Amino acid sequence: MITDRGTYTITEIQNGYWGRLKSGAGWISVHEAYCTYKGAVSSDSGGSVEKPSGNFLVQVDISDLYIRKGPGTNYGTNGFCPKGVYTIVEVKTGAGSNAGWGKLKSGAGWISLDYATRI
């Protein structure tokens, strides 16, 4: 149990809400109600979710990627996002995606970044 308000490094996120502590001490809830995000870890250093600041472009790699109404597979669908280039304006963790969920600039919803490449 963590009882202080320290800073911790998370090396992996599962189910959108559980983060593995780099220290090896176990897992903690990384839900935004309990944690404040302090900075991205590059994918080269073993981090699993990068939270960039500002908008960025992604290339969707599959032809039938669901657009979700929120950041996770527990949200309903809002159609499909075909292959192409899209602008992401926000990134959140959520169920069903290791790389996180990107909010489409168009306002159509959220896509799993597991199936997109940042360009």
N, C-alpha and C. Protein backbone atom coordinates (compact mmCIF):
# COMPACT_ATOMS: atom_id res chain seq x y z
N MET A 1 0.84 -1.18 0.00
CA MET A 1 0.00 0.00 0.00
C MET A 1 0.89 1.24 0.00
N ILE A 2 0.58 2.16 -0.90
CA ILE A 2 1.31 3.42 -0.95
C ILE A 2 0.55 4.44 -0.11
N THR A 3 1.27 5.06 0.84
CA THR A 3 0.60 5.99 1.74
C THR A 3 1.06 7.43 1.57
N ASP A 4 2.11 7.65 0.76
CA ASP A 4 2.57 9.03 0.57
C ASP A 4 2.11 9.55 -0.79
N ARG A 5 2.43 10.77 -1.07
CA ARG A 5 2.07 11.41 -2.34
C ARG A 5 3.31 11.55 -3.21
N GLY A 6 4.09 10.49 -3.30
CA GLY A 6 5.34 10.51 -4.04
C GLY A 6 5.13 10.39 -5.54
N THR A 7 6.24 10.39 -6.24
CA THR A 7 6.24 10.20 -7.69
C THR A 7 6.75 8.80 -7.97
N TYR A 8 6.03 8.09 -8.85
CA TYR A 8 6.36 6.71 -9.14
C TYR A 8 6.41 6.50 -10.65
N THR A 9 7.26 5.57 -11.07
CA THR A 9 7.37 5.24 -12.49
C THR A 9 6.57 3.98 -12.77
N ILE A 10 5.69 4.07 -13.76
CA ILE A 10 4.87 2.94 -14.18
C ILE A 10 5.47 2.39 -15.47
N THR A 11 5.70 1.09 -15.50
CA THR A 11 6.32 0.48 -16.69
C THR A 11 5.33 -0.21 -17.60
N GLU A 12 4.11 -0.44 -17.13
CA GLU A 12 3.10 -1.15 -17.92
C GLU A 12 1.73 -0.78 -17.37
N ILE A 13 0.76 -0.67 -18.27
CA ILE A 13 -0.61 -0.42 -17.84
C ILE A 13 -1.48 -1.54 -18.38
N GLN A 14 -2.32 -2.12 -17.51
CA GLN A 14 -3.25 -3.17 -17.92
C GLN A 14 -4.66 -2.76 -17.58
N ASN A 15 -5.58 -3.13 -18.46
CA ASN A 15 -7.00 -2.84 -18.30
C ASN A 15 -7.28 -1.36 -18.11
N GLY A 16 -6.35 -0.52 -18.53
CA GLY A 16 -6.56 0.92 -18.49
C GLY A 16 -6.44 1.56 -17.12
N TYR A 17 -6.41 0.77 -16.05
CA TYR A 17 -6.43 1.34 -14.71
C TYR A 17 -5.37 0.83 -13.77
N TRP A 18 -4.58 -0.17 -14.17
CA TRP A 18 -3.60 -0.74 -13.25
C TRP A 18 -2.20 -0.56 -13.83
N GLY A 19 -1.32 0.04 -13.03
CA GLY A 19 0.05 0.28 -13.47
C GLY A 19 1.04 -0.52 -12.66
N ARG A 20 2.00 -1.13 -13.37
CA ARG A 20 3.06 -1.90 -12.70
C ARG A 20 4.16 -0.94 -12.27
N LEU A 21 4.51 -0.96 -11.00
CA LEU A 21 5.56 -0.10 -10.47
C LEU A 21 6.93 -0.56 -10.96
N LYS A 22 7.74 0.37 -11.40
CA LYS A 22 9.09 0.05 -11.88
C LYS A 22 9.92 -0.61 -10.79
N SER A 23 9.68 -0.25 -9.54
CA SER A 23 10.44 -0.81 -8.42
C SER A 23 10.23 -2.31 -8.25
N GLY A 24 9.17 -2.84 -8.87
CA GLY A 24 8.86 -4.26 -8.70
C GLY A 24 7.98 -4.54 -7.50
N ALA A 25 7.52 -3.49 -6.83
CA ALA A 25 6.71 -3.65 -5.62
C ALA A 25 5.28 -4.10 -5.91
N GLY A 26 4.88 -4.10 -7.16
CA GLY A 26 3.53 -4.56 -7.49
C GLY A 26 2.80 -3.60 -8.40
N TRP A 27 1.47 -3.59 -8.25
CA TRP A 27 0.59 -2.81 -9.13
C TRP A 27 -0.18 -1.79 -8.30
N ILE A 28 -0.49 -0.63 -8.90
CA ILE A 28 -1.32 0.38 -8.27
C ILE A 28 -2.37 0.86 -9.25
N SER A 29 -3.44 1.41 -8.73
CA SER A 29 -4.45 2.02 -9.58
C SER A 29 -3.87 3.29 -10.17
N VAL A 30 -4.00 3.46 -11.50
CA VAL A 30 -3.53 4.68 -12.15
C VAL A 30 -4.71 5.48 -12.69
N HIS A 31 -5.89 5.20 -12.16
CA HIS A 31 -7.07 5.94 -12.57
C HIS A 31 -6.87 7.41 -12.24
N GLU A 32 -7.37 8.30 -13.11
CA GLU A 32 -7.17 9.74 -12.94
C GLU A 32 -7.75 10.29 -11.63
N ALA A 33 -8.65 9.55 -11.01
CA ALA A 33 -9.19 9.98 -9.72
C ALA A 33 -8.14 9.88 -8.61
N TYR A 34 -7.09 9.06 -8.82
CA TYR A 34 -6.08 8.82 -7.80
C TYR A 34 -4.69 9.31 -8.16
N CYS A 35 -4.44 9.51 -9.45
CA CYS A 35 -3.09 9.83 -9.90
C CYS A 35 -3.09 11.08 -10.77
N THR A 36 -1.95 11.74 -10.77
CA THR A 36 -1.72 12.87 -11.65
C THR A 36 -0.58 12.50 -12.58
N TYR A 37 -0.80 12.63 -13.86
CA TYR A 37 0.21 12.32 -14.85
C TYR A 37 1.29 13.39 -14.86
N LYS A 38 2.56 12.98 -14.78
CA LYS A 38 3.67 13.94 -14.70
C LYS A 38 4.51 14.02 -15.97
N GLY A 39 4.46 13.04 -16.84
CA GLY A 39 5.28 13.10 -18.05
C GLY A 39 5.35 11.76 -18.75
N ALA A 40 5.63 11.83 -20.04
CA ALA A 40 5.67 10.63 -20.87
C ALA A 40 6.98 9.90 -20.70
N VAL A 41 6.91 8.61 -20.91
CA VAL A 41 8.08 7.76 -20.97
C VAL A 41 8.17 7.33 -22.42
N SER A 42 9.33 7.47 -23.02
CA SER A 42 9.45 7.07 -24.42
C SER A 42 9.28 5.57 -24.52
N SER A 43 8.80 5.11 -25.66
CA SER A 43 8.58 3.68 -25.85
C SER A 43 9.89 2.92 -25.83
N ASP A 44 11.03 3.59 -26.08
CA ASP A 44 12.33 2.94 -26.05
C ASP A 44 12.73 2.51 -24.65
N SER A 45 12.16 3.14 -23.61
CA SER A 45 12.57 2.82 -22.24
C SER A 45 11.61 1.87 -21.55
N GLY A 46 10.69 1.28 -22.30
CA GLY A 46 9.82 0.26 -21.73
C GLY A 46 8.47 0.75 -21.29
N GLY A 47 8.18 2.04 -21.41
CA GLY A 47 6.86 2.54 -21.06
C GLY A 47 5.84 2.07 -22.07
N SER A 48 4.59 1.93 -21.66
CA SER A 48 3.61 1.40 -22.58
C SER A 48 2.61 2.43 -23.07
N VAL A 49 2.51 3.57 -22.42
CA VAL A 49 1.57 4.59 -22.86
C VAL A 49 2.27 5.94 -22.87
N GLU A 50 2.33 6.53 -24.03
CA GLU A 50 2.91 7.86 -24.16
C GLU A 50 1.78 8.86 -24.20
N LYS A 51 1.89 9.92 -23.41
CA LYS A 51 0.86 10.95 -23.38
C LYS A 51 1.48 12.25 -23.89
N PRO A 52 1.43 12.46 -25.21
CA PRO A 52 2.06 13.65 -25.76
C PRO A 52 1.26 14.90 -25.46
N SER A 53 1.95 16.03 -25.46
CA SER A 53 1.25 17.29 -25.31
C SER A 53 0.97 17.84 -26.70
N GLY A 54 -0.18 18.43 -26.90
CA GLY A 54 -0.53 18.98 -28.20
C GLY A 54 -1.08 17.93 -29.15
N ASN A 55 -1.56 18.41 -30.29
CA ASN A 55 -2.12 17.52 -31.31
C ASN A 55 -1.00 16.79 -32.04
N PHE A 56 -1.31 15.62 -32.58
CA PHE A 56 -0.36 14.89 -33.41
C PHE A 56 -1.12 14.06 -34.42
N LEU A 57 -0.43 13.63 -35.47
CA LEU A 57 -1.04 12.84 -36.54
C LEU A 57 -0.74 11.37 -36.34
N VAL A 58 -1.72 10.54 -36.71
CA VAL A 58 -1.52 9.08 -36.73
C VAL A 58 -1.98 8.53 -38.07
N GLN A 59 -1.35 7.45 -38.48
CA GLN A 59 -1.76 6.68 -39.66
C GLN A 59 -2.47 5.44 -39.14
N VAL A 60 -3.75 5.29 -39.46
CA VAL A 60 -4.51 4.11 -39.07
C VAL A 60 -4.13 2.98 -40.02
N ASP A 61 -3.78 1.83 -39.44
CA ASP A 61 -3.22 0.72 -40.20
C ASP A 61 -4.22 -0.36 -40.60
N ILE A 62 -5.45 -0.30 -40.10
CA ILE A 62 -6.44 -1.31 -40.45
C ILE A 62 -7.68 -0.62 -41.03
N SER A 63 -8.48 -1.37 -41.77
CA SER A 63 -9.60 -0.75 -42.49
C SER A 63 -10.89 -0.69 -41.70
N ASP A 64 -10.95 -1.36 -40.55
CA ASP A 64 -12.22 -1.42 -39.81
C ASP A 64 -12.05 -1.15 -38.32
N LEU A 65 -11.32 -0.11 -37.99
CA LEU A 65 -11.07 0.27 -36.60
C LEU A 65 -12.31 0.95 -36.04
N TYR A 66 -12.83 0.41 -34.93
CA TYR A 66 -14.00 1.03 -34.30
C TYR A 66 -13.66 2.41 -33.75
N ILE A 67 -14.59 3.34 -33.89
CA ILE A 67 -14.54 4.61 -33.18
C ILE A 67 -15.43 4.41 -31.96
N ARG A 68 -14.90 4.71 -30.79
CA ARG A 68 -15.64 4.54 -29.54
C ARG A 68 -16.14 5.89 -29.03
N LYS A 69 -17.22 5.87 -28.27
CA LYS A 69 -17.80 7.09 -27.70
C LYS A 69 -16.98 7.62 -26.53
N GLY A 70 -16.10 6.81 -26.00
CA GLY A 70 -15.20 7.18 -24.91
C GLY A 70 -13.93 6.37 -25.01
N PRO A 71 -12.94 6.64 -24.17
CA PRO A 71 -11.64 5.98 -24.26
C PRO A 71 -11.61 4.59 -23.64
N GLY A 72 -12.21 3.62 -24.33
CA GLY A 72 -12.17 2.23 -23.86
C GLY A 72 -13.18 1.37 -24.57
N THR A 73 -12.92 0.06 -24.54
CA THR A 73 -13.85 -0.88 -25.17
C THR A 73 -15.15 -1.01 -24.39
N ASN A 74 -15.20 -0.44 -23.20
CA ASN A 74 -16.43 -0.46 -22.42
C ASN A 74 -17.40 0.65 -22.86
N TYR A 75 -17.00 1.48 -23.83
CA TYR A 75 -17.88 2.50 -24.40
C TYR A 75 -18.48 1.96 -25.71
N GLY A 76 -19.64 2.46 -26.06
CA GLY A 76 -20.29 2.07 -27.30
C GLY A 76 -19.50 2.52 -28.51
N THR A 77 -19.87 1.96 -29.67
CA THR A 77 -19.19 2.32 -30.90
C THR A 77 -19.92 3.46 -31.60
N ASN A 78 -19.17 4.13 -32.44
CA ASN A 78 -19.69 5.28 -33.18
C ASN A 78 -19.26 5.17 -34.64
N GLY A 79 -19.32 3.96 -35.19
CA GLY A 79 -18.91 3.74 -36.57
C GLY A 79 -17.49 3.22 -36.66
N PHE A 80 -16.93 3.32 -37.88
CA PHE A 80 -15.59 2.82 -38.15
C PHE A 80 -14.69 3.95 -38.62
N CYS A 81 -13.40 3.79 -38.35
CA CYS A 81 -12.37 4.70 -38.81
C CYS A 81 -11.55 3.95 -39.85
N PRO A 82 -11.70 4.27 -41.13
CA PRO A 82 -10.95 3.54 -42.16
C PRO A 82 -9.47 3.93 -42.16
N LYS A 83 -8.67 3.19 -42.94
CA LYS A 83 -7.26 3.53 -43.08
C LYS A 83 -7.13 4.98 -43.52
N GLY A 84 -6.13 5.65 -42.98
CA GLY A 84 -5.90 7.05 -43.34
C GLY A 84 -5.13 7.77 -42.26
N VAL A 85 -4.99 9.08 -42.42
CA VAL A 85 -4.26 9.92 -41.47
C VAL A 85 -5.27 10.76 -40.70
N TYR A 86 -5.11 10.79 -39.38
CA TYR A 86 -6.04 11.49 -38.50
C TYR A 86 -5.28 12.31 -37.48
N THR A 87 -5.91 13.36 -36.99
CA THR A 87 -5.33 14.20 -35.94
C THR A 87 -5.89 13.77 -34.59
N ILE A 88 -5.00 13.53 -33.64
CA ILE A 88 -5.36 13.16 -32.27
C ILE A 88 -5.15 14.39 -31.39
N VAL A 89 -6.17 14.72 -30.59
CA VAL A 89 -6.09 15.93 -29.75
C VAL A 89 -5.95 15.63 -28.26
N GLU A 90 -6.14 14.37 -27.88
CA GLU A 90 -6.05 13.99 -26.47
C GLU A 90 -5.79 12.49 -26.40
N VAL A 91 -5.05 12.05 -25.39
CA VAL A 91 -4.76 10.63 -25.18
C VAL A 91 -5.13 10.26 -23.75
N LYS A 92 -5.83 9.13 -23.61
CA LYS A 92 -6.16 8.60 -22.28
C LYS A 92 -5.96 7.09 -22.28
N THR A 93 -5.76 6.54 -21.10
CA THR A 93 -5.75 5.09 -20.97
C THR A 93 -7.19 4.61 -20.85
N GLY A 94 -7.41 3.36 -21.17
CA GLY A 94 -8.75 2.79 -21.08
C GLY A 94 -8.72 1.32 -21.42
N ALA A 95 -9.79 0.65 -21.08
CA ALA A 95 -9.90 -0.79 -21.30
C ALA A 95 -9.72 -1.14 -22.78
N GLY A 96 -8.95 -2.19 -23.04
CA GLY A 96 -8.85 -2.73 -24.38
C GLY A 96 -7.76 -2.16 -25.26
N SER A 97 -6.88 -1.33 -24.73
CA SER A 97 -5.80 -0.77 -25.55
C SER A 97 -4.53 -0.63 -24.71
N ASN A 98 -3.45 -1.23 -25.19
CA ASN A 98 -2.17 -1.10 -24.49
C ASN A 98 -1.51 0.25 -24.75
N ALA A 99 -1.71 0.81 -25.95
CA ALA A 99 -1.07 2.06 -26.33
C ALA A 99 -1.89 3.28 -25.94
N GLY A 100 -3.09 3.08 -25.45
CA GLY A 100 -3.95 4.20 -25.07
C GLY A 100 -4.99 4.50 -26.14
N TRP A 101 -5.84 5.46 -25.85
CA TRP A 101 -6.94 5.86 -26.72
C TRP A 101 -6.72 7.30 -27.15
N GLY A 102 -6.88 7.54 -28.45
CA GLY A 102 -6.71 8.87 -29.00
C GLY A 102 -8.05 9.47 -29.39
N LYS A 103 -8.28 10.72 -28.97
CA LYS A 103 -9.52 11.42 -29.30
C LYS A 103 -9.34 12.08 -30.67
N LEU A 104 -10.25 11.77 -31.59
CA LEU A 104 -10.17 12.31 -32.94
C LEU A 104 -10.53 13.80 -32.96
N LYS A 105 -9.77 14.58 -33.69
CA LYS A 105 -10.02 16.02 -33.80
C LYS A 105 -11.41 16.30 -34.38
N SER A 106 -11.89 15.42 -35.25
CA SER A 106 -13.19 15.60 -35.88
C SER A 106 -14.34 15.60 -34.88
N GLY A 107 -14.09 15.05 -33.68
CA GLY A 107 -15.14 14.94 -32.68
C GLY A 107 -15.94 13.66 -32.78
N ALA A 108 -15.55 12.78 -33.72
CA ALA A 108 -16.29 11.52 -33.92
C ALA A 108 -16.15 10.56 -32.75
N GLY A 109 -15.09 10.68 -31.95
CA GLY A 109 -14.90 9.80 -30.81
C GLY A 109 -13.44 9.45 -30.61
N TRP A 110 -13.20 8.24 -30.10
CA TRP A 110 -11.88 7.77 -29.68
C TRP A 110 -11.48 6.53 -30.45
N ILE A 111 -10.20 6.40 -30.79
CA ILE A 111 -9.69 5.19 -31.44
C ILE A 111 -8.56 4.60 -30.61
N SER A 112 -8.42 3.27 -30.70
CA SER A 112 -7.32 2.60 -30.04
C SER A 112 -6.04 2.92 -30.79
N LEU A 113 -5.03 3.39 -30.07
CA LEU A 113 -3.75 3.69 -30.70
C LEU A 113 -2.91 2.45 -30.94
N ASP A 114 -3.43 1.27 -30.55
CA ASP A 114 -2.77 0.00 -30.86
C ASP A 114 -2.72 -0.23 -32.37
N TYR A 115 -3.66 0.37 -33.10
CA TYR A 115 -3.79 0.14 -34.54
C TYR A 115 -3.45 1.37 -35.35
N ALA A 116 -2.66 2.26 -34.78
CA ALA A 116 -2.28 3.50 -35.45
C ALA A 116 -0.81 3.76 -35.19
N THR A 117 -0.16 4.40 -36.14
CA THR A 117 1.25 4.74 -36.03
C THR A 117 1.38 6.26 -36.03
N ARG A 118 2.08 6.77 -35.04
CA ARG A 118 2.29 8.22 -34.98
C ARG A 118 3.22 8.64 -36.11
N ILE A 119 2.84 9.71 -36.82
CA ILE A 119 3.67 10.18 -37.93
C ILE A 119 4.06 11.63 -37.74
